[in-house]
Amino acid sequence: MSLEEETKTIELDASTFEKLAELKGEMERVEEGDLSFSAVVKYLLKQEYRYDLLSRMEEKG
């Protein structure tokens, strides 16, 4: 497997589905007008930052 293929692979486990459900819930709240667009952007950036930190920690072992 090439590095490019490897970086596109995401393992799906229970926590991944929980995160997706959480995100879906956040997006539904936005559609209902409960959250502003900037709040969603901040939420997504926070999640991306967490994912980046976790992946770096896993790389270091």
PDB file of N, CA and C in Angstrom:
ATOM      1  N   MET A   1       0.845  -1.173   0.000  1.00  0.00           N
ATOM      2  CA  MET A   1       0.000   0.000   0.000  1.00  0.00           C
ATOM      3  C   MET A   1       0.895   1.242   0.000  1.00  0.00           C
ATOM      4  N   SER A   2       0.583   2.193  -0.877  1.00  0.00           N
ATOM      5  CA  SER A   2       1.382   3.415  -0.926  1.00  0.00           C
ATOM      6  C   SER A   2       1.020   4.324   0.239  1.00  0.00           C
ATOM      7  N   LEU A   3       1.885   5.282   0.486  1.00  0.00           N
ATOM      8  CA  LEU A   3       1.649   6.225   1.584  1.00  0.00           C
ATOM      9  C   LEU A   3       0.356   6.999   1.349  1.00  0.00           C
ATOM     10  N   GLU A   4       0.093   7.363   0.097  1.00  0.00           N
ATOM     11  CA  GLU A   4      -1.129   8.105  -0.226  1.00  0.00           C
ATOM     12  C   GLU A   4      -2.363   7.286   0.121  1.00  0.00           C
ATOM     13  N   GLU A   5      -2.356   6.008  -0.239  1.00  0.00           N
ATOM     14  CA  GLU A   5      -3.488   5.142   0.098  1.00  0.00           C
ATOM     15  C   GLU A   5      -3.631   4.991   1.609  1.00  0.00           C
ATOM     16  N   GLU A   6      -2.504   4.893   2.266  1.00  0.00           N
ATOM     17  CA  GLU A   6      -2.496   4.693   3.708  1.00  0.00           C
ATOM     18  C   GLU A   6      -3.101   5.885   4.437  1.00  0.00           C
ATOM     19  N   THR A   7      -2.783   7.104   3.984  1.00  0.00           N
ATOM     20  CA  THR A   7      -3.283   8.298   4.663  1.00  0.00           C
ATOM     21  C   THR A   7      -4.778   8.488   4.447  1.00  0.00           C
ATOM     22  N   LYS A   8      -5.333   7.882   3.415  1.00  0.00           N
ATOM     23  CA  LYS A   8      -6.768   8.018   3.152  1.00  0.00           C
ATOM     24  C   LYS A   8      -7.583   6.973   3.910  1.00  0.00           C
ATOM     25  N   THR A   9      -6.934   6.025   4.521  1.00  0.00           N
ATOM     26  CA  THR A   9      -7.622   4.956   5.230  1.00  0.00           C
ATOM     27  C   THR A   9      -7.947   5.402   6.649  1.00  0.00           C
ATOM     28  N   ILE A  10      -9.199   5.250   7.029  1.00  0.00           N
ATOM     29  CA  ILE A  10      -9.626   5.578   8.389  1.00  0.00           C
ATOM     30  C   ILE A  10     -10.281   4.332   8.974  1.00  0.00           C
ATOM     31  N   GLU A  11      -9.811   3.942  10.144  1.00  0.00           N
ATOM     32  CA  GLU A  11     -10.418   2.791  10.798  1.00  0.00           C
ATOM     33  C   GLU A  11     -11.750   3.218  11.401  1.00  0.00           C
ATOM     34  N   LEU A  12     -12.781   2.437  11.127  1.00  0.00           N
ATOM     35  CA  LEU A  12     -14.088   2.738  11.670  1.00  0.00           C
ATOM     36  C   LEU A  12     -14.351   1.833  12.866  1.00  0.00           C
ATOM     37  N   ASP A  13     -14.540   2.464  14.001  1.00  0.00           N
ATOM     38  CA  ASP A  13     -14.884   1.717  15.200  1.00  0.00           C
ATOM     39  C   ASP A  13     -16.049   2.432  15.872  1.00  0.00           C
ATOM     40  N   ALA A  14     -16.422   1.981  17.032  1.00  0.00           N
ATOM     41  CA  ALA A  14     -17.589   2.553  17.720  1.00  0.00           C
ATOM     42  C   ALA A  14     -17.408   4.045  17.975  1.00  0.00           C
ATOM     43  N   SER A  15     -16.216   4.464  18.373  1.00  0.00           N
ATOM     44  CA  SER A  15     -16.013   5.879  18.679  1.00  0.00           C
ATOM     45  C   SER A  15     -16.147   6.747  17.426  1.00  0.00           C
ATOM     46  N   THR A  16     -15.753   6.208  16.274  1.00  0.00           N
ATOM     47  CA  THR A  16     -15.903   6.957  15.026  1.00  0.00           C
ATOM     48  C   THR A  16     -17.371   7.203  14.740  1.00  0.00           C
ATOM     49  N   PHE A  17     -18.181   6.178  14.913  1.00  0.00           N
ATOM     50  CA  PHE A  17     -19.609   6.335  14.666  1.00  0.00           C
ATOM     51  C   PHE A  17     -20.253   7.276  15.678  1.00  0.00           C
ATOM     52  N   GLU A  18     -19.762   7.246  16.910  1.00  0.00           N
ATOM     53  CA  GLU A  18     -20.265   8.179  17.923  1.00  0.00           C
ATOM     54  C   GLU A  18     -19.937   9.611  17.527  1.00  0.00           C
ATOM     55  N   LYS A  19     -18.724   9.842  17.039  1.00  0.00           N
ATOM     56  CA  LYS A  19     -18.321  11.177  16.610  1.00  0.00           C
ATOM     57  C   LYS A  19     -19.160  11.639  15.427  1.00  0.00           C
ATOM     58  N   LEU A  20     -19.405  10.732  14.483  1.00  0.00           N
ATOM     59  CA  LEU A  20     -20.233  11.084  13.334  1.00  0.00           C
ATOM     60  C   LEU A  20     -21.654  11.423  13.757  1.00  0.00           C
ATOM     61  N   ALA A  21     -22.192  10.667  14.703  1.00  0.00           N
ATOM     62  CA  ALA A  21     -23.540  10.938  15.202  1.00  0.00           C
ATOM     63  C   ALA A  21     -23.574  12.285  15.920  1.00  0.00           C
ATOM     64  N   GLU A  22     -22.518  12.577  16.675  1.00  0.00           N
ATOM     65  CA  GLU A  22     -22.423  13.860  17.378  1.00  0.00           C
ATOM     66  C   GLU A  22     -22.381  15.008  16.372  1.00  0.00           C
ATOM     67  N   LEU A  23     -21.582  14.843  15.333  1.00  0.00           N
ATOM     68  CA  LEU A  23     -21.475  15.870  14.308  1.00  0.00           C
ATOM     69  C   LEU A  23     -22.810  16.050  13.589  1.00  0.00           C
ATOM     70  N   LYS A  24     -23.469  14.939  13.284  1.00  0.00           N
ATOM     71  CA  LYS A  24     -24.778  15.010  12.627  1.00  0.00           C
ATOM     72  C   LYS A  24     -25.770  15.781  13.503  1.00  0.00           C
ATOM     73  N   GLY A  25     -25.716  15.530  14.796  1.00  0.00           N
ATOM     74  CA  GLY A  25     -26.586  16.248  15.718  1.00  0.00           C
ATOM     75  C   GLY A  25     -26.292  17.737  15.721  1.00  0.00           C
ATOM     76  N   GLU A  26     -25.003  18.083  15.693  1.00  0.00           N
ATOM     77  CA  GLU A  26     -24.615  19.498  15.647  1.00  0.00           C
ATOM     78  C   GLU A  26     -25.134  20.144  14.362  1.00  0.00           C
ATOM     79  N   MET A  27     -25.005  19.439  13.244  1.00  0.00           N
ATOM     80  CA  MET A  27     -25.451  19.995  11.967  1.00  0.00           C
ATOM     81  C   MET A  27     -26.965  20.163  11.944  1.00  0.00           C
ATOM     82  N   GLU A  28     -27.687  19.226  12.546  1.00  0.00           N
ATOM     83  CA  GLU A  28     -29.145  19.353  12.605  1.00  0.00           C
ATOM     84  C   GLU A  28     -29.542  20.569  13.438  1.00  0.00           C
ATOM     85  N   ARG A  29     -28.796  20.825  14.512  1.00  0.00           N
ATOM     86  CA  ARG A  29     -29.074  22.006  15.329  1.00  0.00           C
ATOM     87  C   ARG A  29     -28.841  23.280  14.525  1.00  0.00           C
ATOM     88  N   VAL A  30     -27.827  23.255  13.657  1.00  0.00           N
ATOM     89  CA  VAL A  30     -27.545  24.416  12.822  1.00  0.00           C
ATOM     90  C   VAL A  30     -28.713  24.645  11.861  1.00  0.00           C
ATOM     91  N   GLU A  31     -29.188  23.552  11.259  1.00  0.00           N
ATOM     92  CA  GLU A  31     -30.299  23.672  10.321  1.00  0.00           C
ATOM     93  C   GLU A  31     -31.534  24.233  11.015  1.00  0.00           C
ATOM     94  N   GLU A  32     -31.689  23.927  12.280  1.00  0.00           N
ATOM     95  CA  GLU A  32     -32.831  24.434  13.034  1.00  0.00           C
ATOM     96  C   GLU A  32     -32.581  25.858  13.520  1.00  0.00           C
ATOM     97  N   GLY A  33     -31.376  26.369  13.299  1.00  0.00           N
ATOM     98  CA  GLY A  33     -31.054  27.737  13.673  1.00  0.00           C
ATOM     99  C   GLY A  33     -30.568  27.902  15.098  1.00  0.00           C
ATOM    100  N   ASP A  34     -30.247  26.790  15.783  1.00  0.00           N
ATOM    101  CA  ASP A  34     -29.792  26.888  17.174  1.00  0.00           C
ATOM    102  C   ASP A  34     -28.334  27.331  17.283  1.00  0.00           C
ATOM    103  N   LEU A  35     -27.557  27.051  16.261  1.00  0.00           N
ATOM    104  CA  LEU A  35     -26.141  27.409  16.301  1.00  0.00           C
ATOM    105  C   LEU A  35     -25.793  28.298  15.110  1.00  0.00           C
ATOM    106  N   SER A  36     -24.893  29.202  15.317  1.00  0.00           N
ATOM    107  CA  SER A  36     -24.424  30.043  14.225  1.00  0.00           C
ATOM    108  C   SER A  36     -23.406  29.267  13.381  1.00  0.00           C
ATOM    109  N   PHE A  37     -23.167  29.770  12.186  1.00  0.00           N
ATOM    110  CA  PHE A  37     -22.187  29.138  11.307  1.00  0.00           C
ATOM    111  C   PHE A  37     -20.807  29.145  11.963  1.00  0.00           C
ATOM    112  N   SER A  38     -20.452  30.251  12.608  1.00  0.00           N
ATOM    113  CA  SER A  38     -19.125  30.332  13.227  1.00  0.00           C
ATOM    114  C   SER A  38     -18.975  29.314  14.352  1.00  0.00           C
ATOM    115  N   ALA A  39     -20.062  29.021  15.057  1.00  0.00           N
ATOM    116  CA  ALA A  39     -19.993  28.019  16.118  1.00  0.00           C
ATOM    117  C   ALA A  39     -19.691  26.642  15.533  1.00  0.00           C
ATOM    118  N   VAL A  40     -20.262  26.344  14.396  1.00  0.00           N
ATOM    119  CA  VAL A  40     -20.007  25.056  13.746  1.00  0.00           C
ATOM    120  C   VAL A  40     -18.563  24.990  13.262  1.00  0.00           C
ATOM    121  N   VAL A  41     -18.079  26.067  12.683  1.00  0.00           N
ATOM    122  CA  VAL A  41     -16.692  26.095  12.209  1.00  0.00           C
ATOM    123  C   VAL A  41     -15.738  25.867  13.381  1.00  0.00           C
ATOM    124  N   LYS A  42     -15.991  26.545  14.497  1.00  0.00           N
ATOM    125  CA  LYS A  42     -15.156  26.355  15.684  1.00  0.00           C
ATOM    126  C   LYS A  42     -15.216  24.911  16.168  1.00  0.00           C
ATOM    127  N   TYR A  43     -16.401  24.334  16.153  1.00  0.00           N
ATOM    128  CA  TYR A  43     -16.572  22.940  16.581  1.00  0.00           C
ATOM    129  C   TYR A  43     -15.761  22.010  15.681  1.00  0.00           C
ATOM    130  N   LEU A  44     -15.874  22.197  14.369  1.00  0.00           N
ATOM    131  CA  LEU A  44     -15.157  21.341  13.427  1.00  0.00           C
ATOM    132  C   LEU A  44     -13.648  21.508  13.566  1.00  0.00           C
ATOM    133  N   LEU A  45     -13.184  22.734  13.758  1.00  0.00           N
ATOM    134  CA  LEU A  45     -11.748  22.961  13.929  1.00  0.00           C
ATOM    135  C   LEU A  45     -11.247  22.295  15.202  1.00  0.00           C
ATOM    136  N   LYS A  46     -12.047  22.351  16.255  1.00  0.00           N
ATOM    137  CA  LYS A  46     -11.658  21.712  17.513  1.00  0.00           C
ATOM    138  C   LYS A  46     -11.546  20.197  17.320  1.00  0.00           C
ATOM    139  N   GLN A  47     -12.503  19.604  16.595  1.00  0.00           N
ATOM    140  CA  GLN A  47     -12.464  18.168  16.348  1.00  0.00           C
ATOM    141  C   GLN A  47     -11.250  17.798  15.498  1.00  0.00           C
ATOM    142  N   GLU A  48     -10.972  18.608  14.480  1.00  0.00           N
ATOM    143  CA  GLU A  48      -9.821  18.346  13.617  1.00  0.00           C
ATOM    144  C   GLU A  48      -8.528  18.442  14.421  1.00  0.00           C
ATOM    145  N   TYR A  49      -8.444  19.421  15.315  1.00  0.00           N
ATOM    146  CA  TYR A  49      -7.258  19.593  16.148  1.00  0.00           C
ATOM    147  C   TYR A  49      -7.063  18.377  17.051  1.00  0.00           C
ATOM    148  N   ARG A  50      -8.150  17.886  17.642  1.00  0.00           N
ATOM    149  CA  ARG A  50      -8.069  16.691  18.493  1.00  0.00           C
ATOM    150  C   ARG A  50      -7.583  15.492  17.689  1.00  0.00           C
ATOM    151  N   TYR A  51      -8.154  15.324  16.482  1.00  0.00           N
ATOM    152  CA  TYR A  51      -7.773  14.200  15.634  1.00  0.00           C
ATOM    153  C   TYR A  51      -6.291  14.287  15.287  1.00  0.00           C
ATOM    154  N   ASP A  52      -5.833  15.508  14.965  1.00  0.00           N
ATOM    155  CA  ASP A  52      -4.437  15.712  14.612  1.00  0.00           C
ATOM    156  C   ASP A  52      -3.532  15.373  15.791  1.00  0.00           C
ATOM    157  N   LEU A  53      -3.891  15.816  16.977  1.00  0.00           N
ATOM    158  CA  LEU A  53      -3.092  15.506  18.170  1.00  0.00           C
ATOM    159  C   LEU A  53      -3.046  14.004  18.429  1.00  0.00           C
ATOM    160  N   LEU A  54      -4.212  13.356  18.326  1.00  0.00           N
ATOM    161  CA  LEU A  54      -4.256  11.913  18.567  1.00  0.00           C
ATOM    162  C   LEU A  54      -3.401  11.165  17.555  1.00  0.00           C
ATOM    163  N   SER A  55      -3.487  11.549  16.287  1.00  0.00           N
ATOM    164  CA  SER A  55      -2.712  10.842  15.273  1.00  0.00           C
ATOM    165  C   SER A  55      -1.219  11.064  15.480  1.00  0.00           C
ATOM    166  N   ARG A  56      -0.834  12.251  15.932  1.00  0.00           N
ATOM    167  CA  ARG A  56       0.591  12.498  16.202  1.00  0.00           C
ATOM    168  C   ARG A  56       1.064  11.681  17.392  1.00  0.00           C
ATOM    169  N   MET A  57       0.220  11.575  18.411  1.00  0.00           N
ATOM    170  CA  MET A  57       0.589  10.788  19.588  1.00  0.00           C
ATOM    171  C   MET A  57       0.740   9.318  19.216  1.00  0.00           C
ATOM    172  N   GLU A  58      -0.134   8.819  18.343  1.00  0.00           N
ATOM    173  CA  GLU A  58      -0.053   7.422  17.923  1.00  0.00           C
ATOM    174  C   GLU A  58       1.218   7.176  17.111  1.00  0.00           C
ATOM    175  N   GLU A  59       1.594   8.149  16.275  1.00  0.00           N
ATOM    176  CA  GLU A  59       2.807   8.010  15.472  1.00  0.00           C
ATOM    177  C   GLU A  59       4.043   7.896  16.355  1.00  0.00           C
ATOM    178  N   LYS A  60       4.072   8.671  17.436  1.00  0.00           N
ATOM    179  CA  LYS A  60       5.222   8.655  18.341  1.00  0.00           C
ATOM    180  C   LYS A  60       5.264   7.383  19.173  1.00  0.00           C
ATOM    181  N   GLY A  61       4.101   6.741  19.277  1.00  0.00           N
ATOM    182  CA  GLY A  61       4.032   5.478  19.993  1.00  0.00           C
ATOM    183  C   GLY A  61       3.895   5.712  21.438  1.00  0.00           C
TER     184      GLY A  61
END
